[in-house]
Amino acid sequence: MELARRKTGALFRAAAELGAIAADADTDTVDAFGEYAERVGVAFQLRDDVLDVTAETGELGKPAGTDEEMDRPSVLRVTDRSVEGVNALADAESEAAVAALEDATVEAGAAREYMERLAAFVVERER
């Protein structure tokens, strides 16, 4: 989990916080967007780890099985968690991402809906 946070989570967080700062958002919104994005990034990475093990190369859009082939750590490789367990972790991160938006100054509407759909998409994706 720490690797996913420091890798994909940190990248997503930086992008979201910089965007919020560039839009002159208040501090609470910058922080909320950062937490949202970090959690979406972790959920994305967890799902990516699962897909690397469960998907076929033709369906995945990139070579499957590369984590094991390249001896890269993934949550499935370094823990005894099942695919279902990792998917549950990803779902929890996605839900926490949406909850983080409660602290942001984001009006109900298209932008908020998009952010909620993105959090759901990263754990449902098959590619």
Protein backbone atom coordinates (compact mmCIF):
# COMPACT_ATOMS: atom_id res chain seq x y z
CA MET A 1 0.00 0.00 0.00
CA GLU A 2 2.83 2.35 0.84
CA LEU A 3 4.39 1.78 -2.59
CA ALA A 4 1.07 2.52 -4.30
CA ARG A 5 0.72 5.73 -2.26
CA ARG A 6 4.26 6.88 -2.99
CA LYS A 7 4.07 5.96 -6.65
CA THR A 8 0.71 6.46 -8.33
CA GLY A 9 -0.97 8.16 -5.37
CA ALA A 10 1.70 10.85 -5.11
CA LEU A 11 1.61 11.53 -8.85
CA PHE A 12 -2.17 11.92 -8.87
CA ARG A 13 -2.07 14.04 -5.69
CA ALA A 14 0.51 16.44 -7.11
CA ALA A 15 -1.49 16.94 -10.30
CA ALA A 16 -4.72 17.61 -8.42
CA GLU A 17 -3.20 19.95 -5.86
CA LEU A 18 -1.35 21.94 -8.51
CA GLY A 19 -4.55 22.25 -10.54
CA ALA A 20 -6.47 23.45 -7.50
CA ILE A 21 -3.74 25.94 -6.63
CA ALA A 22 -3.68 27.22 -10.22
CA ALA A 23 -7.47 27.70 -9.99
CA ASP A 24 -6.96 29.74 -6.79
CA ALA A 25 -8.87 27.24 -4.65
CA ASP A 26 -9.01 27.65 -0.88
CA THR A 27 -6.69 25.56 1.29
CA ASP A 28 -9.39 23.08 2.32
CA THR A 29 -10.23 22.41 -1.31
CA VAL A 30 -6.57 21.95 -2.25
CA ASP A 31 -6.20 19.44 0.58
CA ALA A 32 -9.45 17.66 -0.30
CA PHE A 33 -8.51 17.38 -3.96
CA GLY A 34 -5.11 16.05 -2.93
CA GLU A 35 -6.65 13.34 -0.76
CA TYR A 36 -9.23 12.52 -3.44
CA ALA A 37 -6.57 12.17 -6.12
CA GLU A 38 -4.16 10.17 -3.95
CA ARG A 39 -6.90 7.69 -3.12
CA VAL A 40 -7.97 7.46 -6.77
CA GLY A 41 -4.32 6.83 -7.66
CA VAL A 42 -4.00 4.06 -5.07
CA ALA A 43 -7.26 2.48 -6.26
CA PHE A 44 -5.99 2.68 -9.84
CA GLN A 45 -2.70 1.00 -8.88
CA LEU A 46 -4.42 -1.75 -6.91
CA ARG A 47 -6.70 -2.51 -9.86
CA ASP A 48 -3.68 -2.44 -12.16
CA ASP A 49 -1.99 -5.05 -9.96
CA VAL A 50 -5.09 -7.26 -10.19
CA LEU A 51 -5.40 -6.86 -13.95
CA ASP A 52 -1.73 -7.76 -14.41
CA VAL A 53 -2.51 -11.14 -12.84
CA THR A 54 -6.03 -11.82 -14.13
CA ALA A 55 -6.34 -10.26 -17.60
CA GLU A 56 -5.20 -11.54 -20.96
CA THR A 57 -2.69 -9.47 -22.92
CA GLY A 58 -5.08 -8.95 -25.85
CA GLU A 59 -7.83 -7.65 -23.60
CA LEU A 60 -5.57 -5.63 -21.32
CA GLY A 61 -3.99 -3.47 -23.99
CA LYS A 62 -0.49 -4.12 -22.62
CA PRO A 63 1.46 -7.24 -21.75
CA ALA A 64 -0.08 -9.11 -18.81
CA GLY A 65 2.08 -10.74 -16.15
CA THR A 66 4.87 -8.19 -16.32
CA ASP A 67 5.02 -7.61 -12.55
CA GLU A 68 6.06 -11.22 -11.96
CA GLU A 69 8.19 -11.40 -15.10
CA MET A 70 10.16 -8.28 -14.08
CA ASP A 71 10.11 -9.20 -10.37
CA ARG A 72 8.28 -5.97 -9.53
CA PRO A 73 6.47 -5.68 -6.23
CA SER A 74 2.70 -5.54 -6.34
CA VAL A 75 0.22 -5.89 -3.52
CA LEU A 76 -0.63 -9.38 -4.76
CA ARG A 77 3.00 -10.43 -4.90
CA VAL A 78 4.13 -9.08 -1.52
CA THR A 79 1.06 -9.96 0.57
CA ASP A 80 -1.14 -12.98 0.98
CA ARG A 81 -4.20 -11.06 -0.16
CA SER A 82 -6.47 -12.61 -2.76
CA VAL A 83 -7.64 -10.92 -5.95
CA GLU A 84 -10.98 -10.36 -4.23
CA GLY A 85 -9.24 -8.86 -1.21
CA VAL A 86 -7.24 -6.44 -3.34
CA ASN A 87 -10.36 -5.48 -5.29
CA ALA A 88 -12.06 -4.75 -1.94
CA LEU A 89 -9.13 -2.52 -0.93
CA ALA A 90 -9.43 -0.68 -4.24
CA ASP A 91 -13.17 -0.22 -3.71
CA ALA A 92 -12.53 1.20 -0.23
CA GLU A 93 -9.98 3.67 -1.62
CA SER A 94 -12.46 4.73 -4.31
CA GLU A 95 -15.19 5.31 -1.72
CA ALA A 96 -12.79 7.27 0.50
CA ALA A 97 -11.83 9.40 -2.50
CA VAL A 98 -15.44 10.41 -3.06
CA ALA A 99 -15.86 11.08 0.67
CA ALA A 100 -12.84 13.41 0.57
CA LEU A 101 -14.75 15.67 -1.81
CA GLU A 102 -17.07 16.62 1.06
CA ASP A 103 -14.30 18.92 2.33
CA ALA A 104 -13.88 20.63 -1.04
CA THR A 105 -15.66 23.64 -2.41
CA VAL A 106 -17.15 21.84 -5.40
CA GLU A 107 -20.68 22.58 -6.42
CA ALA A 108 -22.98 19.77 -7.40
CA GLY A 109 -22.88 19.50 -11.16
CA ALA A 110 -20.88 18.14 -14.04
CA ALA A 111 -17.42 18.54 -12.46
CA ARG A 112 -18.43 16.81 -9.23
CA GLU A 113 -20.19 14.03 -11.13
CA TYR A 114 -17.12 13.52 -13.31
CA MET A 115 -14.88 13.17 -10.26
CA GLU A 116 -17.26 10.63 -8.71
CA ARG A 117 -17.43 8.66 -11.99
CA LEU A 118 -13.63 8.69 -12.27
CA ALA A 119 -13.29 7.22 -8.77
CA ALA A 120 -15.70 4.44 -9.74
CA PHE A 121 -14.11 3.84 -13.15
CA VAL A 122 -10.62 3.13 -11.82
CA VAL A 123 -11.87 0.10 -9.88
CA GLU A 124 -14.25 -1.17 -12.58
CA ARG A 125 -11.93 -0.91 -15.55
CA GLU A 126 -10.86 -3.99 -17.48
CA ARG A 127 -7.90 -2.37 -19.26
